[in-house]
N, C-alpha and C. Protein backbone atom coordinates (compact mmCIF):
# COMPACT_ATOMS: atom_id res chain seq x y z
N MET A 1 -3.51 -30.33 -9.81
CA MET A 1 -3.64 -29.33 -11.07
C MET A 1 -4.95 -29.25 -11.66
N PRO A 2 -5.48 -28.30 -12.28
CA PRO A 2 -6.52 -28.16 -13.19
C PRO A 2 -6.37 -29.24 -14.34
N GLU A 3 -7.13 -30.17 -14.51
CA GLU A 3 -7.01 -31.07 -15.41
C GLU A 3 -7.29 -30.48 -16.77
N PHE A 4 -7.92 -29.63 -17.01
CA PHE A 4 -8.36 -29.06 -18.26
C PHE A 4 -7.30 -28.21 -18.87
N LEU A 5 -5.96 -28.02 -18.25
CA LEU A 5 -5.16 -27.32 -18.59
C LEU A 5 -4.15 -28.28 -19.48
N PRO A 6 -3.71 -27.91 -20.74
CA PRO A 6 -2.72 -28.78 -21.31
C PRO A 6 -1.57 -29.12 -20.42
N ASP A 7 -0.88 -30.14 -20.39
CA ASP A 7 0.38 -30.24 -19.61
C ASP A 7 1.32 -29.35 -19.67
N LYS A 8 1.68 -28.74 -20.91
CA LYS A 8 2.88 -27.94 -20.97
C LYS A 8 2.29 -26.62 -20.52
N ILE A 9 1.17 -26.14 -20.64
CA ILE A 9 0.58 -24.91 -20.05
C ILE A 9 0.50 -25.10 -18.37
N ARG A 10 0.06 -26.19 -18.02
CA ARG A 10 -0.07 -26.48 -16.68
C ARG A 10 1.32 -26.31 -15.95
N ASP A 11 2.36 -26.92 -16.46
CA ASP A 11 3.83 -27.02 -15.91
C ASP A 11 4.50 -25.40 -16.00
N SER A 12 4.23 -24.95 -17.24
CA SER A 12 4.74 -23.60 -17.16
C SER A 12 4.25 -22.72 -16.26
N ALA A 13 2.84 -22.73 -16.19
CA ALA A 13 2.01 -21.81 -15.14
C ALA A 13 2.65 -22.09 -13.55
N ALA A 14 2.75 -23.30 -13.32
CA ALA A 14 3.23 -23.69 -11.97
C ALA A 14 4.75 -23.39 -11.59
N CYS A 15 5.43 -23.34 -12.81
CA CYS A 15 6.91 -22.82 -12.67
C CYS A 15 6.82 -21.31 -12.46
N LEU A 16 5.97 -20.59 -13.11
CA LEU A 16 6.00 -19.04 -12.82
C LEU A 16 5.44 -18.87 -11.62
N TRP A 17 4.38 -19.76 -11.18
CA TRP A 17 3.61 -19.42 -9.73
C TRP A 17 4.88 -19.68 -8.54
N HIS A 18 5.56 -20.63 -8.71
CA HIS A 18 6.54 -20.74 -7.73
C HIS A 18 7.79 -19.60 -7.82
N TYR A 19 7.85 -19.11 -9.13
CA TYR A 19 9.03 -18.09 -8.98
C TYR A 19 8.45 -16.67 -8.51
N HIS A 20 7.22 -16.50 -8.60
CA HIS A 20 6.60 -15.23 -8.00
C HIS A 20 6.58 -15.34 -6.35
N ARG A 21 6.59 -16.52 -5.90
CA ARG A 21 6.42 -16.74 -4.40
C ARG A 21 7.89 -16.59 -3.84
N LEU A 22 7.90 -16.11 -2.72
CA LEU A 22 9.35 -15.76 -2.20
C LEU A 22 9.49 -16.85 -0.92
N ASP A 23 8.34 -17.50 -0.47
CA ASP A 23 8.26 -18.41 0.65
C ASP A 23 9.26 -17.96 1.93
N GLN A 24 9.11 -16.72 2.33
CA GLN A 24 9.94 -16.08 3.41
C GLN A 24 9.26 -16.63 4.67
N VAL A 25 10.24 -16.96 5.75
CA VAL A 25 9.61 -17.14 7.03
C VAL A 25 9.66 -15.75 7.58
N ILE A 26 8.46 -15.57 8.16
CA ILE A 26 8.21 -14.20 8.61
C ILE A 26 8.41 -14.19 10.34
N ASP A 27 8.48 -13.05 10.78
CA ASP A 27 8.58 -12.76 12.24
C ASP A 27 7.63 -11.72 12.41
N PRO A 28 7.20 -11.66 13.80
CA PRO A 28 6.35 -10.50 14.29
C PRO A 28 6.95 -9.19 13.85
N ALA A 29 5.99 -8.07 13.45
CA ALA A 29 6.46 -6.86 12.91
C ALA A 29 5.79 -5.75 13.59
N GLU A 30 6.02 -4.55 13.32
CA GLU A 30 5.24 -3.48 13.72
C GLU A 30 3.91 -3.12 13.21
N GLY A 31 3.60 -3.86 12.23
CA GLY A 31 2.23 -3.64 11.42
C GLY A 31 2.18 -4.34 10.47
N ILE A 32 0.99 -4.73 9.79
CA ILE A 32 0.82 -5.60 8.64
C ILE A 32 -0.10 -4.62 7.40
N LEU A 33 0.58 -4.58 6.35
CA LEU A 33 0.16 -3.90 5.16
C LEU A 33 -0.55 -5.02 4.26
N VAL A 34 -1.89 -4.64 3.77
CA VAL A 34 -2.36 -5.47 2.66
C VAL A 34 -2.68 -4.52 1.65
N PHE A 35 -2.23 -4.87 0.36
CA PHE A 35 -2.26 -3.83 -0.88
C PHE A 35 -3.42 -4.58 -1.57
N GLY A 36 -4.16 -3.78 -2.29
CA GLY A 36 -5.44 -3.97 -3.02
C GLY A 36 -5.53 -5.36 -3.71
N SER A 37 -6.68 -6.16 -3.51
CA SER A 37 -6.72 -7.44 -4.28
C SER A 37 -8.18 -7.77 -4.50
N ASN A 38 -8.38 -8.53 -5.53
CA ASN A 38 -9.50 -9.11 -5.80
C ASN A 38 -9.73 -10.45 -5.14
N ASP A 39 -9.00 -10.95 -4.38
CA ASP A 39 -9.00 -12.16 -3.68
C ASP A 39 -9.02 -11.76 -1.98
N LEU A 40 -10.32 -11.92 -1.46
CA LEU A 40 -10.44 -11.60 -0.28
C LEU A 40 -9.81 -12.71 0.80
N ARG A 41 -9.40 -13.78 0.13
CA ARG A 41 -8.57 -14.62 1.06
C ARG A 41 -7.29 -14.01 1.74
N VAL A 42 -6.87 -13.06 0.91
CA VAL A 42 -5.71 -12.38 1.30
C VAL A 42 -5.98 -11.55 2.76
N ALA A 43 -7.01 -11.12 2.77
CA ALA A 43 -7.42 -10.29 4.07
C ALA A 43 -7.85 -11.23 5.09
N GLY A 44 -8.23 -12.46 4.78
CA GLY A 44 -8.46 -13.49 5.86
C GLY A 44 -7.01 -13.83 6.20
N HIS A 45 -6.19 -14.20 5.44
CA HIS A 45 -4.80 -14.47 6.00
C HIS A 45 -4.16 -13.32 6.86
N ALA A 46 -4.30 -12.07 6.53
CA ALA A 46 -3.74 -11.02 7.34
C ALA A 46 -4.46 -11.04 8.47
N SER A 47 -5.82 -11.39 8.60
CA SER A 47 -6.52 -11.17 10.01
C SER A 47 -5.82 -12.59 10.91
N ASP A 48 -5.56 -13.60 10.28
CA ASP A 48 -4.97 -14.75 11.03
C ASP A 48 -3.57 -14.36 11.57
N LEU A 49 -2.88 -13.76 10.71
CA LEU A 49 -1.59 -13.18 11.28
C LEU A 49 -1.71 -12.16 12.42
N PHE A 50 -2.82 -11.30 12.28
CA PHE A 50 -2.93 -10.35 13.34
C PHE A 50 -3.25 -11.19 14.66
N HIS A 51 -4.30 -12.05 14.58
CA HIS A 51 -4.63 -12.92 15.64
C HIS A 51 -3.56 -13.75 16.32
N ARG A 52 -2.61 -14.15 15.49
CA ARG A 52 -1.39 -14.84 15.96
C ARG A 52 -0.21 -13.82 16.44
N GLY A 53 -0.45 -12.76 16.38
CA GLY A 53 0.42 -11.60 17.05
C GLY A 53 1.58 -11.41 16.33
N PHE A 54 1.25 -11.46 14.80
CA PHE A 54 2.40 -10.89 13.80
C PHE A 54 2.44 -9.54 13.80
N GLY A 55 1.38 -8.69 14.25
CA GLY A 55 1.42 -7.31 14.18
C GLY A 55 0.10 -6.60 14.97
N PRO A 56 0.18 -5.38 15.47
CA PRO A 56 -0.86 -5.05 16.23
C PRO A 56 -1.81 -4.48 15.51
N TRP A 57 -1.78 -4.04 14.07
CA TRP A 57 -2.74 -3.42 13.33
C TRP A 57 -2.47 -3.78 11.71
N ILE A 58 -3.60 -3.55 11.09
CA ILE A 58 -3.71 -4.08 9.62
C ILE A 58 -4.00 -2.71 9.09
N LEU A 59 -3.36 -2.42 7.87
CA LEU A 59 -3.68 -1.22 6.91
C LEU A 59 -4.15 -1.94 5.60
N PHE A 60 -5.29 -1.69 5.21
CA PHE A 60 -5.74 -2.22 3.90
C PHE A 60 -5.56 -0.89 2.88
N SER A 61 -4.95 -1.22 1.78
CA SER A 61 -4.97 -0.29 0.56
C SER A 61 -5.47 -0.61 -0.64
N GLY A 62 -6.23 0.13 -1.25
CA GLY A 62 -6.71 0.04 -2.61
C GLY A 62 -8.19 0.48 -2.83
N ASN A 63 -8.19 1.20 -4.00
CA ASN A 63 -9.32 1.59 -4.58
C ASN A 63 -10.14 0.25 -5.37
N ARG A 64 -10.77 0.57 -6.53
CA ARG A 64 -11.09 -0.35 -7.50
C ARG A 64 -10.18 -0.44 -8.63
N GLY A 65 -10.42 -1.63 -9.07
CA GLY A 65 -9.38 -1.97 -10.33
C GLY A 65 -10.16 -2.68 -11.29
N ARG A 66 -9.38 -3.13 -12.47
CA ARG A 66 -9.97 -3.71 -13.53
C ARG A 66 -10.89 -4.98 -13.31
N LEU A 67 -10.62 -5.81 -12.19
CA LEU A 67 -11.24 -6.84 -11.83
C LEU A 67 -12.18 -6.83 -10.83
N THR A 68 -12.23 -5.56 -10.35
CA THR A 68 -13.09 -5.06 -9.02
C THR A 68 -14.00 -3.92 -9.33
N GLU A 69 -14.02 -3.44 -10.37
CA GLU A 69 -14.69 -2.13 -10.81
C GLU A 69 -16.13 -2.32 -10.59
N HIS A 70 -16.78 -3.59 -10.72
CA HIS A 70 -18.16 -3.69 -10.43
C HIS A 70 -18.48 -3.93 -8.98
N TRP A 71 -17.56 -3.99 -7.97
CA TRP A 71 -17.71 -4.04 -6.59
C TRP A 71 -18.37 -2.79 -6.12
N SER A 72 -19.50 -2.97 -4.93
CA SER A 72 -20.11 -1.70 -4.61
C SER A 72 -19.12 -0.95 -3.44
N GLU A 73 -17.99 -1.73 -3.16
CA GLU A 73 -17.03 -0.95 -2.08
C GLU A 73 -15.73 -1.07 -2.72
N THR A 74 -14.70 -0.19 -2.21
CA THR A 74 -13.36 -0.37 -2.66
C THR A 74 -12.81 -1.75 -2.18
N GLU A 75 -11.69 -1.89 -2.84
CA GLU A 75 -10.88 -3.12 -2.34
C GLU A 75 -10.46 -3.10 -0.98
N ALA A 76 -10.00 -1.93 -0.29
CA ALA A 76 -9.67 -1.69 0.88
C ALA A 76 -10.83 -1.98 1.96
N GLU A 77 -12.20 -1.25 1.51
CA GLU A 77 -13.22 -1.40 2.34
C GLU A 77 -13.53 -3.03 2.27
N ALA A 78 -13.63 -3.62 1.34
CA ALA A 78 -14.09 -4.96 1.16
C ALA A 78 -13.06 -6.00 2.17
N MET A 79 -11.85 -5.70 1.91
CA MET A 79 -10.97 -6.40 2.84
C MET A 79 -11.03 -6.19 4.39
N ALA A 80 -11.25 -4.93 4.53
CA ALA A 80 -11.46 -4.48 5.99
C ALA A 80 -12.88 -5.10 6.41
N ARG A 81 -13.75 -5.10 5.70
CA ARG A 81 -15.16 -5.64 6.26
C ARG A 81 -14.70 -7.30 6.33
N THR A 82 -14.02 -7.85 5.65
CA THR A 82 -13.50 -9.35 5.79
C THR A 82 -12.55 -9.53 7.12
N ALA A 83 -11.79 -8.40 7.24
CA ALA A 83 -11.19 -8.49 8.57
C ALA A 83 -11.96 -8.50 9.87
N ARG A 84 -12.79 -7.50 9.84
CA ARG A 84 -13.76 -7.37 10.90
C ARG A 84 -14.63 -8.63 10.98
N ASN A 85 -15.03 -9.33 9.95
CA ASN A 85 -15.88 -10.55 10.26
C ASN A 85 -15.04 -11.63 10.76
N CYS A 86 -13.66 -11.53 10.41
CA CYS A 86 -12.63 -12.46 11.30
C CYS A 86 -12.37 -12.21 12.43
N GLY A 87 -12.85 -10.99 13.10
CA GLY A 87 -12.65 -10.64 14.59
C GLY A 87 -11.64 -9.71 14.80
N VAL A 88 -11.11 -9.01 13.71
CA VAL A 88 -10.29 -8.08 13.98
C VAL A 88 -10.82 -6.83 14.42
N PRO A 89 -10.58 -6.13 15.55
CA PRO A 89 -11.22 -5.08 16.07
C PRO A 89 -11.14 -3.87 15.03
N PRO A 90 -12.23 -2.91 14.84
CA PRO A 90 -12.17 -1.98 14.02
C PRO A 90 -11.11 -0.94 14.58
N GLU A 91 -10.60 -0.82 15.66
CA GLU A 91 -9.62 0.23 16.13
C GLU A 91 -8.17 -0.29 15.63
N ALA A 92 -8.08 -1.56 15.13
CA ALA A 92 -6.87 -2.11 14.95
C ALA A 92 -6.65 -1.96 13.11
N ILE A 93 -7.56 -1.53 12.38
CA ILE A 93 -7.72 -1.56 10.99
C ILE A 93 -7.63 0.07 10.55
N PHE A 94 -6.79 0.10 9.57
CA PHE A 94 -6.69 1.49 8.88
C PHE A 94 -7.02 1.30 7.49
N ILE A 95 -7.71 2.14 6.89
CA ILE A 95 -8.17 1.94 5.65
C ILE A 95 -7.58 3.06 4.75
N GLU A 96 -7.13 2.76 3.48
CA GLU A 96 -6.46 3.71 2.51
C GLU A 96 -7.12 3.37 1.27
N ALA A 97 -8.27 4.13 0.80
CA ALA A 97 -9.13 3.33 -0.31
C ALA A 97 -8.93 4.39 -1.64
N ASN A 98 -7.54 4.96 -1.84
CA ASN A 98 -7.46 5.70 -3.07
C ASN A 98 -6.49 5.04 -4.19
N ALA A 99 -5.56 4.27 -3.57
CA ALA A 99 -4.49 3.66 -4.39
C ALA A 99 -5.14 2.80 -5.56
N THR A 100 -4.40 3.07 -6.76
CA THR A 100 -4.90 2.24 -7.98
C THR A 100 -3.68 1.33 -8.43
N ASN A 101 -2.66 1.34 -7.95
CA ASN A 101 -1.40 0.56 -8.46
C ASN A 101 -0.65 0.54 -7.40
N THR A 102 0.39 -0.34 -7.45
CA THR A 102 1.43 -0.70 -6.33
C THR A 102 2.07 0.44 -5.88
N GLY A 103 2.51 1.25 -6.67
CA GLY A 103 3.25 2.57 -6.41
C GLY A 103 2.49 3.32 -5.56
N GLU A 104 1.16 3.65 -5.81
CA GLU A 104 0.33 4.11 -4.98
C GLU A 104 0.11 3.58 -3.70
N ASN A 105 -0.10 2.22 -3.67
CA ASN A 105 -0.38 1.55 -2.59
C ASN A 105 0.79 1.95 -1.55
N ILE A 106 2.00 1.97 -1.92
CA ILE A 106 3.27 2.30 -1.13
C ILE A 106 3.16 3.63 -0.76
N ARG A 107 3.03 4.60 -1.52
CA ARG A 107 3.03 5.98 -1.20
C ARG A 107 1.95 6.31 -0.21
N PHE A 108 0.68 5.97 -0.66
CA PHE A 108 -0.57 6.52 0.22
C PHE A 108 -0.55 5.74 1.51
N SER A 109 -0.06 4.65 1.70
CA SER A 109 0.04 3.91 2.97
C SER A 109 0.97 4.47 3.75
N ARG A 110 2.34 4.84 3.16
CA ARG A 110 3.31 5.61 3.93
C ARG A 110 2.72 6.84 4.44
N ALA A 111 2.04 7.50 3.73
CA ALA A 111 1.45 8.82 4.21
C ALA A 111 0.40 8.68 5.29
N LEU A 112 -0.55 7.79 5.10
CA LEU A 112 -1.46 7.46 6.21
C LEU A 112 -0.69 7.29 7.60
N LEU A 113 0.25 6.25 7.56
CA LEU A 113 0.88 5.95 8.68
C LEU A 113 1.85 7.17 9.28
N ASP A 114 2.11 7.80 8.34
CA ASP A 114 3.10 9.16 8.88
C ASP A 114 1.93 10.04 9.49
N SER A 115 0.90 10.12 8.87
CA SER A 115 -0.15 11.31 9.52
C SER A 115 -0.51 10.66 10.90
N ARG A 116 -0.24 9.53 11.24
CA ARG A 116 -0.85 9.03 12.62
C ARG A 116 0.36 8.98 13.38
N GLY A 117 1.61 9.24 12.91
CA GLY A 117 2.80 9.34 13.90
C GLY A 117 3.47 8.07 13.85
N LEU A 118 3.24 7.21 12.88
CA LEU A 118 3.72 5.83 12.78
C LEU A 118 4.81 5.88 11.84
N ARG A 119 6.08 5.48 11.97
CA ARG A 119 7.16 5.28 11.34
C ARG A 119 7.75 4.02 11.36
N PRO A 120 7.29 2.85 11.18
CA PRO A 120 7.60 1.59 11.47
C PRO A 120 8.94 1.09 10.79
N GLN A 121 9.65 0.40 11.31
CA GLN A 121 10.88 -0.22 10.61
C GLN A 121 10.85 -1.54 10.31
N ARG A 122 9.90 -2.39 10.64
CA ARG A 122 9.63 -3.82 10.31
C ARG A 122 8.09 -3.84 9.91
N LEU A 123 7.66 -4.44 8.69
CA LEU A 123 6.47 -4.49 8.41
C LEU A 123 6.22 -5.69 7.60
N ILE A 124 5.11 -6.50 7.73
CA ILE A 124 4.66 -7.55 6.90
C ILE A 124 3.76 -7.02 5.80
N VAL A 125 3.97 -7.36 4.63
CA VAL A 125 3.14 -7.17 3.54
C VAL A 125 2.45 -8.51 3.21
N VAL A 126 1.21 -8.45 3.09
CA VAL A 126 0.31 -9.63 2.58
C VAL A 126 -0.31 -9.30 1.19
N GLN A 127 -0.06 -10.46 0.28
CA GLN A 127 -0.31 -10.15 -1.00
C GLN A 127 -0.86 -11.51 -1.35
N LYS A 128 -1.43 -11.52 -2.68
CA LYS A 128 -1.84 -12.72 -3.40
C LYS A 128 -0.31 -13.60 -3.53
N PRO A 129 -0.29 -14.89 -3.61
CA PRO A 129 0.77 -15.64 -3.84
C PRO A 129 1.55 -15.22 -5.10
N TYR A 130 1.02 -14.93 -6.20
CA TYR A 130 1.85 -14.61 -7.24
C TYR A 130 2.03 -13.21 -7.47
N MET A 131 1.88 -12.35 -6.23
CA MET A 131 2.36 -11.05 -6.17
C MET A 131 3.59 -10.92 -5.26
N GLU A 132 3.98 -11.77 -4.76
CA GLU A 132 4.96 -11.72 -3.61
C GLU A 132 6.23 -11.05 -4.27
N ARG A 133 6.83 -11.58 -5.17
CA ARG A 133 8.10 -10.94 -5.60
C ARG A 133 7.98 -9.51 -6.16
N ARG A 134 6.94 -9.28 -7.06
CA ARG A 134 6.76 -7.83 -7.57
C ARG A 134 6.73 -7.13 -6.41
N THR A 135 5.86 -7.33 -5.46
CA THR A 135 5.58 -6.46 -4.42
C THR A 135 6.83 -6.19 -3.60
N PHE A 136 7.60 -7.01 -3.36
CA PHE A 136 8.78 -6.90 -2.60
C PHE A 136 9.93 -6.15 -3.41
N ALA A 137 10.02 -6.46 -4.73
CA ALA A 137 10.82 -5.44 -5.58
C ALA A 137 10.45 -4.06 -5.46
N ALA A 138 9.28 -3.51 -5.53
CA ALA A 138 8.79 -2.35 -5.53
C ALA A 138 8.95 -1.92 -4.26
N LEU A 139 8.88 -2.48 -3.19
CA LEU A 139 9.06 -1.92 -1.69
C LEU A 139 10.68 -1.63 -1.67
N GLU A 140 11.41 -2.43 -2.19
CA GLU A 140 12.90 -2.17 -1.89
C GLU A 140 13.24 -0.99 -2.62
N VAL A 141 12.55 -0.51 -3.70
CA VAL A 141 13.08 0.82 -4.24
C VAL A 141 12.19 2.02 -3.77
N GLN A 142 10.95 1.79 -3.54
CA GLN A 142 10.11 2.82 -3.39
C GLN A 142 9.80 3.04 -1.62
N TRP A 143 10.10 2.23 -0.91
CA TRP A 143 10.12 2.45 0.57
C TRP A 143 11.54 2.01 1.19
N PRO A 144 12.65 2.66 0.89
CA PRO A 144 13.81 2.19 1.54
C PRO A 144 13.83 2.51 3.15
N GLY A 145 14.60 1.82 3.82
CA GLY A 145 14.89 1.95 5.05
C GLY A 145 14.11 1.23 6.07
N VAL A 146 13.11 0.32 5.61
CA VAL A 146 12.19 -0.44 6.38
C VAL A 146 12.47 -1.98 5.92
N ARG A 147 12.49 -2.71 7.02
CA ARG A 147 12.56 -4.25 6.70
C ARG A 147 11.22 -4.78 6.46
N PHE A 148 11.10 -5.37 5.03
CA PHE A 148 9.74 -6.01 4.80
C PHE A 148 9.75 -7.30 4.70
N GLN A 149 8.85 -8.04 5.08
CA GLN A 149 8.63 -9.42 4.96
C GLN A 149 7.22 -9.64 4.18
N VAL A 150 7.13 -10.36 3.15
CA VAL A 150 6.10 -10.59 2.31
C VAL A 150 5.35 -12.00 2.42
N ASP A 151 4.20 -11.96 2.53
CA ASP A 151 3.44 -13.24 2.91
C ASP A 151 2.49 -13.30 2.05
N SER A 152 1.57 -14.56 2.06
CA SER A 152 0.41 -14.78 1.30
C SER A 152 -0.31 -16.02 1.69
N PRO A 153 -1.56 -16.11 1.52
CA PRO A 153 -2.27 -17.35 1.93
C PRO A 153 -1.52 -18.62 1.34
N PRO A 154 -1.54 -19.57 2.24
CA PRO A 154 -0.75 -20.81 2.00
C PRO A 154 -1.39 -21.57 1.31
N LEU A 155 -1.69 -21.51 -0.19
CA LEU A 155 -2.43 -22.15 -1.10
C LEU A 155 -1.54 -22.58 -2.33
N ARG A 156 -1.48 -23.79 -2.49
CA ARG A 156 -0.89 -24.48 -3.78
C ARG A 156 -1.53 -23.85 -5.02
N PHE A 157 -0.58 -23.86 -6.27
CA PHE A 157 -1.20 -23.50 -7.29
C PHE A 157 -2.45 -24.22 -7.88
N GLU A 158 -2.37 -25.56 -7.67
CA GLU A 158 -3.48 -26.37 -8.09
C GLU A 158 -4.81 -26.12 -7.21
N ASP A 159 -4.71 -25.57 -6.09
CA ASP A 159 -5.89 -25.26 -5.03
C ASP A 159 -6.34 -23.74 -5.12
N TYR A 160 -5.60 -22.91 -5.90
CA TYR A 160 -5.99 -21.62 -5.82
C TYR A 160 -7.22 -21.08 -6.57
N PHE A 161 -7.44 -21.80 -7.58
CA PHE A 161 -8.66 -21.26 -8.59
C PHE A 161 -9.88 -21.32 -8.00
N THR A 162 -10.78 -20.27 -8.38
CA THR A 162 -12.20 -19.98 -7.80
C THR A 162 -12.90 -19.84 -9.11
N GLU A 163 -14.16 -19.65 -8.72
CA GLU A 163 -15.21 -19.31 -9.77
C GLU A 163 -14.84 -18.16 -10.62
N ASN A 164 -14.31 -17.24 -9.91
CA ASN A 164 -13.95 -15.85 -10.51
C ASN A 164 -12.40 -15.77 -10.80
N LEU A 165 -11.66 -16.44 -9.98
CA LEU A 165 -10.15 -16.48 -10.32
C LEU A 165 -10.05 -17.80 -11.19
N THR A 166 -10.29 -17.82 -12.30
CA THR A 166 -10.05 -19.04 -12.94
C THR A 166 -8.79 -19.08 -13.77
N PRO A 167 -8.29 -20.38 -14.18
CA PRO A 167 -7.02 -20.44 -14.66
C PRO A 167 -6.55 -19.60 -15.69
N ARG A 168 -7.38 -18.94 -16.57
CA ARG A 168 -7.00 -17.82 -17.33
C ARG A 168 -6.76 -16.61 -16.74
N VAL A 169 -7.47 -16.23 -15.86
CA VAL A 169 -7.53 -14.82 -15.15
C VAL A 169 -6.05 -14.94 -14.36
N VAL A 170 -5.85 -16.00 -13.66
CA VAL A 170 -4.62 -16.16 -12.88
C VAL A 170 -3.47 -16.16 -13.61
N ILE A 171 -3.41 -17.10 -14.78
CA ILE A 171 -2.18 -17.16 -15.38
C ILE A 171 -1.74 -15.86 -16.37
N GLU A 172 -2.94 -15.14 -16.58
CA GLU A 172 -2.53 -13.87 -17.39
C GLU A 172 -2.18 -12.85 -16.38
N ALA A 173 -2.78 -12.88 -15.13
CA ALA A 173 -2.07 -12.02 -14.13
C ALA A 173 -0.46 -12.29 -13.76
N MET A 174 -0.26 -13.60 -13.82
CA MET A 174 1.04 -14.04 -13.50
C MET A 174 2.02 -13.53 -14.69
N THR A 175 1.58 -13.46 -15.82
CA THR A 175 2.47 -13.22 -16.96
C THR A 175 2.74 -11.84 -16.95
N GLY A 176 1.42 -11.18 -16.54
CA GLY A 176 1.66 -9.50 -16.51
C GLY A 176 2.62 -8.99 -15.21
N ASP A 177 2.65 -9.67 -14.22
CA ASP A 177 3.52 -9.30 -13.33
C ASP A 177 4.95 -9.68 -13.43
N PHE A 178 5.11 -10.88 -14.28
CA PHE A 178 6.34 -11.22 -14.59
C PHE A 178 6.88 -10.27 -15.70
N GLN A 179 6.33 -9.66 -16.45
CA GLN A 179 6.59 -8.49 -17.49
C GLN A 179 6.90 -7.33 -16.81
N ARG A 180 6.25 -7.01 -15.69
CA ARG A 180 6.69 -5.78 -14.79
C ARG A 180 7.90 -6.18 -14.07
N ILE A 181 8.27 -7.36 -13.71
CA ILE A 181 9.45 -7.55 -12.94
C ILE A 181 10.58 -7.27 -13.91
N LEU A 182 10.28 -7.69 -15.12
CA LEU A 182 11.44 -7.54 -16.08
C LEU A 182 11.54 -6.20 -16.65
N ASP A 183 10.45 -5.39 -16.64
CA ASP A 183 10.56 -3.99 -17.24
C ASP A 183 10.80 -2.88 -16.04
N TYR A 184 10.21 -2.97 -15.03
CA TYR A 184 10.16 -1.99 -13.92
C TYR A 184 11.49 -1.29 -13.20
N PRO A 185 12.39 -2.13 -13.18
CA PRO A 185 13.71 -1.71 -12.63
C PRO A 185 14.46 -0.69 -13.48
N ALA A 186 14.29 -0.65 -15.04
CA ALA A 186 14.95 0.37 -15.65
C ALA A 186 14.11 1.61 -15.55
N LYS A 187 12.72 1.42 -15.10
CA LYS A 187 11.85 2.67 -14.94
C LYS A 187 12.01 3.30 -13.52
N GLY A 188 12.84 2.67 -12.63
CA GLY A 188 13.18 3.07 -11.35
C GLY A 188 12.02 2.75 -10.29
N PHE A 189 11.26 1.66 -10.83
CA PHE A 189 10.04 1.48 -10.00
C PHE A 189 10.28 0.20 -8.95
N ALA A 190 11.52 -0.65 -9.54
CA ALA A 190 11.55 -1.70 -8.66
C ALA A 190 12.87 -2.37 -8.69
N SER A 191 13.51 -3.11 -7.83
CA SER A 191 14.82 -3.61 -7.89
C SER A 191 14.69 -4.75 -8.77
N VAL A 192 16.13 -5.14 -9.28
CA VAL A 192 16.39 -6.21 -10.18
C VAL A 192 16.04 -7.48 -9.64
N GLN A 193 15.35 -8.45 -10.20
CA GLN A 193 15.19 -9.71 -9.60
C GLN A 193 15.85 -10.77 -10.56
N PRO A 194 16.31 -11.84 -9.83
CA PRO A 194 16.90 -12.75 -10.65
C PRO A 194 16.10 -13.64 -11.39
N VAL A 195 16.38 -14.05 -12.80
CA VAL A 195 15.36 -14.80 -13.62
C VAL A 195 16.54 -16.05 -14.13
N THR A 196 15.80 -17.12 -13.95
CA THR A 196 16.47 -18.45 -14.47
C THR A 196 16.18 -18.56 -15.78
N LYS A 197 16.82 -19.38 -16.60
CA LYS A 197 16.34 -19.78 -17.92
C LYS A 197 15.04 -20.45 -17.91
N GLU A 198 14.79 -21.46 -16.97
CA GLU A 198 13.68 -22.22 -16.60
C GLU A 198 12.49 -21.33 -16.75
N VAL A 199 12.52 -20.34 -15.91
CA VAL A 199 11.37 -19.36 -15.59
C VAL A 199 11.19 -18.55 -16.86
N MET A 200 12.25 -18.13 -17.56
CA MET A 200 11.87 -17.25 -18.83
C MET A 200 11.33 -18.15 -19.85
N THR A 201 11.61 -19.38 -20.03
CA THR A 201 11.01 -20.37 -21.10
C THR A 201 9.75 -20.57 -20.38
N ALA A 202 9.32 -20.82 -19.26
CA ALA A 202 7.78 -21.00 -18.86
C ALA A 202 7.10 -19.67 -19.41
N TYR A 203 7.53 -18.54 -19.05
CA TYR A 203 6.76 -17.33 -19.49
C TYR A 203 6.80 -17.11 -20.91
N ASP A 204 7.84 -17.54 -21.69
CA ASP A 204 7.74 -17.50 -22.98
C ASP A 204 6.48 -18.32 -23.53
N THR A 205 6.58 -19.46 -22.95
CA THR A 205 5.47 -20.73 -23.35
C THR A 205 4.03 -20.05 -23.26
N LEU A 206 4.00 -19.33 -22.03
CA LEU A 206 2.50 -18.93 -21.74
C LEU A 206 2.34 -17.71 -22.83
N VAL A 207 3.24 -16.99 -22.90
CA VAL A 207 2.85 -15.81 -23.86
C VAL A 207 2.50 -16.47 -25.22
N ALA A 208 3.34 -17.39 -25.71
CA ALA A 208 3.03 -18.08 -27.02
C ALA A 208 1.54 -18.49 -27.03
N ALA A 209 1.13 -19.15 -25.86
CA ALA A 209 -0.18 -19.69 -25.84
C ALA A 209 -1.28 -18.61 -25.59
N GLY A 210 -1.07 -17.57 -25.75
CA GLY A 210 -2.05 -16.36 -25.80
C GLY A 210 -2.34 -15.89 -24.41
N TYR A 211 -1.26 -16.05 -23.23
CA TYR A 211 -1.78 -15.75 -22.00
C TYR A 211 -0.99 -14.22 -21.43
N GLY A 212 -0.39 -13.71 -22.51
CA GLY A 212 0.31 -12.61 -22.14
C GLY A 212 1.01 -11.76 -23.30
N LYS A 213 1.75 -10.61 -23.14
CA LYS A 213 2.37 -10.21 -24.27
C LYS A 213 3.80 -10.33 -24.26
N PRO A 214 4.42 -10.54 -25.42
CA PRO A 214 5.91 -10.78 -25.54
C PRO A 214 6.58 -9.51 -24.97
N THR A 215 7.85 -9.85 -24.31
CA THR A 215 8.53 -8.81 -23.83
C THR A 215 9.13 -7.79 -25.12
N THR A 216 9.39 -6.67 -24.81
CA THR A 216 9.85 -5.72 -25.77
C THR A 216 11.35 -5.39 -25.62
């Protein structure tokens, strides 16, 4: 754990981290989707799954976002470059570089696959560890009829941070995603997810400490 985080914040953040992760055991699928990210380790993990035979192709989706607006290329292009550097052949890579949110990731990825005559029934989606649950909840509602498995780089909370992905950046992202998990089902964007009292308390603790906005 980062020693500079107060114990209460560290423990609450770790609780939310584990809630966001689904820890699914994945099986080979018809393809691999990777939604936009500022963490290129996600693309590296997707490449590893490709080489291990979990899918014959990888589709990277994402334009630039708040944390990547300074990048010289889109998130999808940066992740595709990472995959090529990991040995994934260019012909096994699809790039969708327009999506700016999860809903667009889903809609535009689906349209790209459809344009190529691909209508898969089983897909693996690779995300950041703390975006697994929200992504799965969105897919359940916005892309029905497909069996989705969600995976992420096998990193522990205490090992996740980098120079750019600081504790504050990561914890604020986790509280924001939790807020969406609470709010989006009523808007028709995602399925309802179970929330325990322990997880809700952890979220409230982080918001009270300035890491997010209170529920409305």
